[in-house]
Amino acid sequence: MEVIRFILGIGFIITGLLVFVVQLVGVYKFKYILNRMHAAGMGDTMGISLCLIGTMFLYGWGFTTLKVALIVAFLWLASPVSSHLISRLEVTTNENLEEYCKVQKEEEEA
């Protein structure tokens, strides 16, 4: 049973680290700020959650696991909301947004 718990824990942690690598590539590859924020927000939520779930498997069931589960629940609620609010601020304050959208639409049609 310990070996299965260890393998699951390490599997979740490695998967979380792979999500972080994809997030990093997305943040540097995308040109527009909203695309970068989407990559960063999704990567943070999924990567941290998977790593913390992996640590929950490694520690076993106890009070520490409960605290980590509460952290995961808080991150699932707080990270998407904060990313959404920051993106709405970008949309309302960016004066060149329509110009950027026209350029993107023309590139997609070509």
N, C-alpha and C. Protein backbone atom coordinates (compact mmCIF):
# COMPACT_ATOMS: atom_id res chain seq x y z
N MET A 1 0.82 -1.20 0.00
CA MET A 1 0.00 0.00 0.00
C MET A 1 0.86 1.26 0.00
N GLU A 2 1.97 1.21 0.72
CA GLU A 2 2.87 2.37 0.76
C GLU A 2 3.49 2.66 -0.60
N VAL A 3 3.80 1.61 -1.33
CA VAL A 3 4.42 1.78 -2.65
C VAL A 3 3.43 2.42 -3.61
N ILE A 4 2.18 1.99 -3.58
CA ILE A 4 1.16 2.58 -4.46
C ILE A 4 0.95 4.04 -4.11
N ARG A 5 0.89 4.37 -2.83
CA ARG A 5 0.74 5.76 -2.40
C ARG A 5 1.93 6.60 -2.83
N PHE A 6 3.13 6.05 -2.74
CA PHE A 6 4.33 6.75 -3.16
C PHE A 6 4.32 6.99 -4.66
N ILE A 7 3.96 5.98 -5.43
CA ILE A 7 3.93 6.12 -6.90
C ILE A 7 2.88 7.15 -7.30
N LEU A 8 1.70 7.12 -6.68
CA LEU A 8 0.67 8.12 -6.99
C LEU A 8 1.14 9.53 -6.64
N GLY A 9 1.76 9.67 -5.47
CA GLY A 9 2.24 10.99 -5.06
C GLY A 9 3.29 11.55 -6.01
N ILE A 10 4.27 10.73 -6.36
CA ILE A 10 5.31 11.18 -7.29
C ILE A 10 4.72 11.44 -8.67
N GLY A 11 3.74 10.62 -9.09
CA GLY A 11 3.08 10.83 -10.38
C GLY A 11 2.37 12.17 -10.45
N PHE A 12 1.64 12.52 -9.38
CA PHE A 12 0.97 13.82 -9.34
C PHE A 12 1.97 14.97 -9.35
N ILE A 13 3.05 14.83 -8.61
CA ILE A 13 4.04 15.90 -8.55
C ILE A 13 4.72 16.09 -9.90
N ILE A 14 5.09 15.00 -10.56
CA ILE A 14 5.73 15.11 -11.88
C ILE A 14 4.76 15.70 -12.89
N THR A 15 3.49 15.29 -12.84
CA THR A 15 2.50 15.87 -13.75
C THR A 15 2.34 17.37 -13.49
N GLY A 16 2.34 17.77 -12.23
CA GLY A 16 2.27 19.20 -11.90
C GLY A 16 3.46 19.97 -12.43
N LEU A 17 4.65 19.37 -12.34
CA LEU A 17 5.84 20.03 -12.87
C LEU A 17 5.79 20.15 -14.39
N LEU A 18 5.24 19.13 -15.05
CA LEU A 18 5.07 19.21 -16.51
C LEU A 18 4.08 20.31 -16.89
N VAL A 19 3.03 20.48 -16.10
CA VAL A 19 2.08 21.58 -16.34
C VAL A 19 2.80 22.92 -16.20
N PHE A 20 3.69 23.04 -15.22
CA PHE A 20 4.45 24.28 -15.06
C PHE A 20 5.35 24.55 -16.26
N VAL A 21 5.94 23.51 -16.83
CA VAL A 21 6.79 23.68 -18.02
C VAL A 21 5.95 24.17 -19.20
N VAL A 22 4.78 23.58 -19.40
CA VAL A 22 3.90 24.02 -20.48
C VAL A 22 3.45 25.46 -20.24
N GLN A 23 3.18 25.81 -19.00
CA GLN A 23 2.81 27.18 -18.65
C GLN A 23 3.93 28.14 -19.00
N LEU A 24 5.13 27.78 -18.68
CA LEU A 24 6.28 28.64 -18.95
C LEU A 24 6.45 28.86 -20.44
N VAL A 25 6.31 27.80 -21.23
CA VAL A 25 6.42 27.93 -22.69
C VAL A 25 5.30 28.84 -23.21
N GLY A 26 4.09 28.65 -22.69
CA GLY A 26 2.96 29.47 -23.13
C GLY A 26 3.13 30.93 -22.79
N VAL A 27 3.65 31.22 -21.62
CA VAL A 27 3.85 32.62 -21.23
C VAL A 27 4.86 33.30 -22.13
N TYR A 28 5.90 32.61 -22.53
CA TYR A 28 6.91 33.23 -23.39
C TYR A 28 6.55 33.18 -24.88
N LYS A 29 5.70 32.24 -25.29
CA LYS A 29 5.37 32.12 -26.70
C LYS A 29 4.28 33.09 -27.14
N PHE A 30 3.25 33.25 -26.33
CA PHE A 30 2.14 34.11 -26.71
C PHE A 30 2.55 35.57 -26.73
N LYS A 31 1.95 36.33 -27.65
CA LYS A 31 2.33 37.73 -27.81
C LYS A 31 1.43 38.67 -27.02
N TYR A 32 0.16 38.34 -26.92
CA TYR A 32 -0.80 39.26 -26.30
C TYR A 32 -0.95 38.95 -24.82
N ILE A 33 -1.18 39.98 -24.04
CA ILE A 33 -1.19 39.86 -22.58
C ILE A 33 -2.30 38.93 -22.08
N LEU A 34 -3.47 38.96 -22.72
CA LEU A 34 -4.56 38.10 -22.25
C LEU A 34 -4.25 36.63 -22.51
N ASN A 35 -3.60 36.34 -23.62
CA ASN A 35 -3.20 34.96 -23.87
C ASN A 35 -2.16 34.50 -22.86
N ARG A 36 -1.24 35.38 -22.55
CA ARG A 36 -0.22 35.04 -21.54
C ARG A 36 -0.85 34.82 -20.17
N MET A 37 -1.82 35.67 -19.83
CA MET A 37 -2.48 35.52 -18.54
C MET A 37 -3.26 34.22 -18.46
N HIS A 38 -3.87 33.82 -19.57
CA HIS A 38 -4.61 32.57 -19.58
C HIS A 38 -3.67 31.39 -19.33
N ALA A 39 -2.54 31.40 -20.01
CA ALA A 39 -1.57 30.32 -19.81
C ALA A 39 -1.06 30.31 -18.37
N ALA A 40 -0.77 31.48 -17.84
CA ALA A 40 -0.25 31.55 -16.47
C ALA A 40 -1.30 31.16 -15.44
N GLY A 41 -2.53 31.63 -15.63
CA GLY A 41 -3.59 31.32 -14.66
C GLY A 41 -3.95 29.84 -14.65
N MET A 42 -4.09 29.26 -15.82
CA MET A 42 -4.42 27.84 -15.88
C MET A 42 -3.27 26.98 -15.37
N GLY A 43 -2.05 27.39 -15.72
CA GLY A 43 -0.89 26.64 -15.25
C GLY A 43 -0.73 26.69 -13.75
N ASP A 44 -0.94 27.85 -13.19
CA ASP A 44 -0.83 27.97 -11.73
C ASP A 44 -1.87 27.11 -11.03
N THR A 45 -3.11 27.22 -11.48
CA THR A 45 -4.17 26.47 -10.81
C THR A 45 -3.94 24.97 -10.92
N MET A 46 -3.66 24.50 -12.12
CA MET A 46 -3.48 23.05 -12.30
C MET A 46 -2.15 22.55 -11.74
N GLY A 47 -1.07 23.29 -11.98
CA GLY A 47 0.25 22.84 -11.54
C GLY A 47 0.37 22.76 -10.03
N ILE A 48 -0.04 23.83 -9.36
CA ILE A 48 0.05 23.84 -7.89
C ILE A 48 -0.90 22.81 -7.30
N SER A 49 -2.09 22.70 -7.87
CA SER A 49 -3.05 21.73 -7.35
C SER A 49 -2.52 20.30 -7.48
N LEU A 50 -1.97 19.96 -8.63
CA LEU A 50 -1.44 18.61 -8.81
C LEU A 50 -0.27 18.34 -7.88
N CYS A 51 0.61 19.31 -7.72
CA CYS A 51 1.75 19.12 -6.80
C CYS A 51 1.27 18.95 -5.36
N LEU A 52 0.28 19.73 -4.95
CA LEU A 52 -0.22 19.61 -3.58
C LEU A 52 -0.98 18.30 -3.38
N ILE A 53 -1.70 17.85 -4.38
CA ILE A 53 -2.38 16.56 -4.27
C ILE A 53 -1.33 15.44 -4.15
N GLY A 54 -0.22 15.59 -4.87
CA GLY A 54 0.86 14.63 -4.74
C GLY A 54 1.44 14.61 -3.34
N THR A 55 1.60 15.78 -2.73
CA THR A 55 2.10 15.81 -1.35
C THR A 55 1.08 15.23 -0.39
N MET A 56 -0.20 15.37 -0.70
CA MET A 56 -1.22 14.75 0.16
C MET A 56 -1.07 13.24 0.14
N PHE A 57 -0.80 12.67 -1.03
CA PHE A 57 -0.59 11.22 -1.10
C PHE A 57 0.68 10.82 -0.35
N LEU A 58 1.72 11.63 -0.45
CA LEU A 58 2.98 11.26 0.20
C LEU A 58 2.89 11.36 1.73
N TYR A 59 2.17 12.36 2.25
CA TYR A 59 2.07 12.51 3.70
C TYR A 59 1.11 11.51 4.34
N GLY A 60 0.18 10.99 3.56
CA GLY A 60 -0.82 10.11 4.16
C GLY A 60 -1.98 10.94 4.67
N TRP A 61 -2.94 10.26 5.29
CA TRP A 61 -4.14 10.96 5.74
C TRP A 61 -3.95 11.43 7.18
N GLY A 62 -4.15 12.72 7.38
CA GLY A 62 -4.00 13.30 8.70
C GLY A 62 -4.37 14.77 8.65
N PHE A 63 -3.98 15.47 9.71
CA PHE A 63 -4.32 16.89 9.81
C PHE A 63 -3.59 17.71 8.74
N THR A 64 -2.36 17.34 8.42
CA THR A 64 -1.60 18.05 7.38
C THR A 64 -2.29 17.91 6.03
N THR A 65 -2.83 16.73 5.75
CA THR A 65 -3.53 16.51 4.49
C THR A 65 -4.79 17.38 4.41
N LEU A 66 -5.47 17.54 5.52
CA LEU A 66 -6.65 18.41 5.55
C LEU A 66 -6.26 19.85 5.25
N LYS A 67 -5.18 20.31 5.83
CA LYS A 67 -4.74 21.68 5.57
C LYS A 67 -4.35 21.87 4.11
N VAL A 68 -3.66 20.89 3.53
CA VAL A 68 -3.27 20.99 2.12
C VAL A 68 -4.51 20.95 1.23
N ALA A 69 -5.51 20.14 1.59
CA ALA A 69 -6.76 20.09 0.81
C ALA A 69 -7.47 21.44 0.85
N LEU A 70 -7.43 22.12 1.97
CA LEU A 70 -8.04 23.46 2.06
C LEU A 70 -7.27 24.46 1.20
N ILE A 71 -5.96 24.33 1.14
CA ILE A 71 -5.17 25.21 0.27
C ILE A 71 -5.53 24.97 -1.19
N VAL A 72 -5.68 23.71 -1.58
CA VAL A 72 -6.06 23.39 -2.96
C VAL A 72 -7.42 23.99 -3.28
N ALA A 73 -8.39 23.84 -2.37
CA ALA A 73 -9.73 24.40 -2.59
C ALA A 73 -9.67 25.92 -2.71
N PHE A 74 -8.88 26.57 -1.87
CA PHE A 74 -8.73 28.02 -1.95
C PHE A 74 -8.12 28.45 -3.28
N LEU A 75 -7.10 27.72 -3.74
CA LEU A 75 -6.48 28.05 -5.02
C LEU A 75 -7.44 27.86 -6.19
N TRP A 76 -8.26 26.81 -6.15
CA TRP A 76 -9.22 26.58 -7.22
C TRP A 76 -10.24 27.70 -7.29
N LEU A 77 -10.53 28.34 -6.16
CA LEU A 77 -11.49 29.45 -6.16
C LEU A 77 -10.83 30.79 -6.44
N ALA A 78 -9.67 31.03 -5.86
CA ALA A 78 -9.07 32.37 -5.92
C ALA A 78 -8.32 32.65 -7.22
N SER A 79 -7.60 31.69 -7.75
CA SER A 79 -6.77 31.95 -8.92
C SER A 79 -7.59 32.29 -10.17
N PRO A 80 -8.63 31.54 -10.52
CA PRO A 80 -9.41 31.93 -11.71
C PRO A 80 -10.12 33.28 -11.54
N VAL A 81 -10.59 33.56 -10.33
CA VAL A 81 -11.28 34.83 -10.10
C VAL A 81 -10.31 36.00 -10.25
N SER A 82 -9.12 35.87 -9.70
CA SER A 82 -8.15 36.97 -9.82
C SER A 82 -7.69 37.14 -11.26
N SER A 83 -7.50 36.05 -12.00
CA SER A 83 -7.13 36.16 -13.41
C SER A 83 -8.24 36.82 -14.22
N HIS A 84 -9.48 36.49 -13.92
CA HIS A 84 -10.60 37.09 -14.62
C HIS A 84 -10.68 38.59 -14.36
N LEU A 85 -10.49 38.99 -13.12
CA LEU A 85 -10.56 40.42 -12.79
C LEU A 85 -9.42 41.20 -13.45
N ILE A 86 -8.24 40.63 -13.47
CA ILE A 86 -7.11 41.31 -14.11
C ILE A 86 -7.34 41.41 -15.62
N SER A 87 -7.91 40.37 -16.23
CA SER A 87 -8.16 40.43 -17.68
C SER A 87 -9.26 41.43 -18.00
N ARG A 88 -10.27 41.54 -17.15
CA ARG A 88 -11.30 42.56 -17.38
C ARG A 88 -10.72 43.96 -17.28
N LEU A 89 -9.78 44.15 -16.36
CA LEU A 89 -9.11 45.44 -16.26
C LEU A 89 -8.33 45.74 -17.53
N GLU A 90 -7.67 44.75 -18.08
CA GLU A 90 -6.92 44.93 -19.33
C GLU A 90 -7.85 45.29 -20.48
N VAL A 91 -8.98 44.62 -20.57
CA VAL A 91 -9.92 44.88 -21.67
C VAL A 91 -10.51 46.29 -21.55
N THR A 92 -10.82 46.74 -20.35
CA THR A 92 -11.43 48.05 -20.19
C THR A 92 -10.43 49.19 -20.32
N THR A 93 -9.18 48.95 -20.04
CA THR A 93 -8.20 50.05 -20.10
C THR A 93 -7.32 50.05 -21.34
N ASN A 94 -7.36 48.97 -22.14
CA ASN A 94 -6.51 48.91 -23.33
C ASN A 94 -7.17 49.68 -24.46
N GLU A 95 -6.51 50.74 -24.90
CA GLU A 95 -7.06 51.57 -25.96
C GLU A 95 -6.83 50.96 -27.34
N ASN A 96 -5.89 50.04 -27.48
CA ASN A 96 -5.55 49.45 -28.77
C ASN A 96 -6.14 48.05 -28.95
N LEU A 97 -7.13 47.70 -28.15
CA LEU A 97 -7.67 46.34 -28.19
C LEU A 97 -8.36 46.04 -29.52
N GLU A 98 -9.17 46.97 -30.03
CA GLU A 98 -9.87 46.75 -31.30
C GLU A 98 -8.87 46.60 -32.45
N GLU A 99 -7.83 47.40 -32.43
CA GLU A 99 -6.81 47.31 -33.48
C GLU A 99 -6.12 45.94 -33.44
N TYR A 100 -5.82 45.47 -32.25
CA TYR A 100 -5.19 44.16 -32.12
C TYR A 100 -6.12 43.05 -32.61
N CYS A 101 -7.40 43.14 -32.26
CA CYS A 101 -8.36 42.12 -32.68
C CYS A 101 -8.53 42.11 -34.20
N LYS A 102 -8.51 43.27 -34.84
CA LYS A 102 -8.60 43.33 -36.30
C LYS A 102 -7.39 42.67 -36.94
N VAL A 103 -6.21 42.93 -36.41
CA VAL A 103 -4.99 42.33 -36.96
C VAL A 103 -5.05 40.81 -36.81
N GLN A 104 -5.51 40.33 -35.66
CA GLN A 104 -5.60 38.89 -35.44
C GLN A 104 -6.61 38.25 -36.37
N LYS A 105 -7.75 38.92 -36.60
CA LYS A 105 -8.77 38.37 -37.48
C LYS A 105 -8.27 38.30 -38.91
N GLU A 106 -7.53 39.34 -39.35
CA GLU A 106 -6.98 39.34 -40.70
C GLU A 106 -5.95 38.23 -40.87
N GLU A 107 -5.15 37.97 -39.83
CA GLU A 107 -4.14 36.91 -39.91
C GLU A 107 -4.82 35.53 -39.97
N GLU A 108 -5.94 35.37 -39.27
CA GLU A 108 -6.64 34.08 -39.29
C GLU A 108 -7.29 33.83 -40.66
N GLU A 109 -7.81 34.90 -41.30
CA GLU A 109 -8.45 34.74 -42.60
C GLU A 109 -7.46 34.48 -43.71
N ALA A 110 -6.24 34.96 -43.53
CA ALA A 110 -5.23 34.79 -44.60
C ALA A 110 -4.65 33.40 -44.65
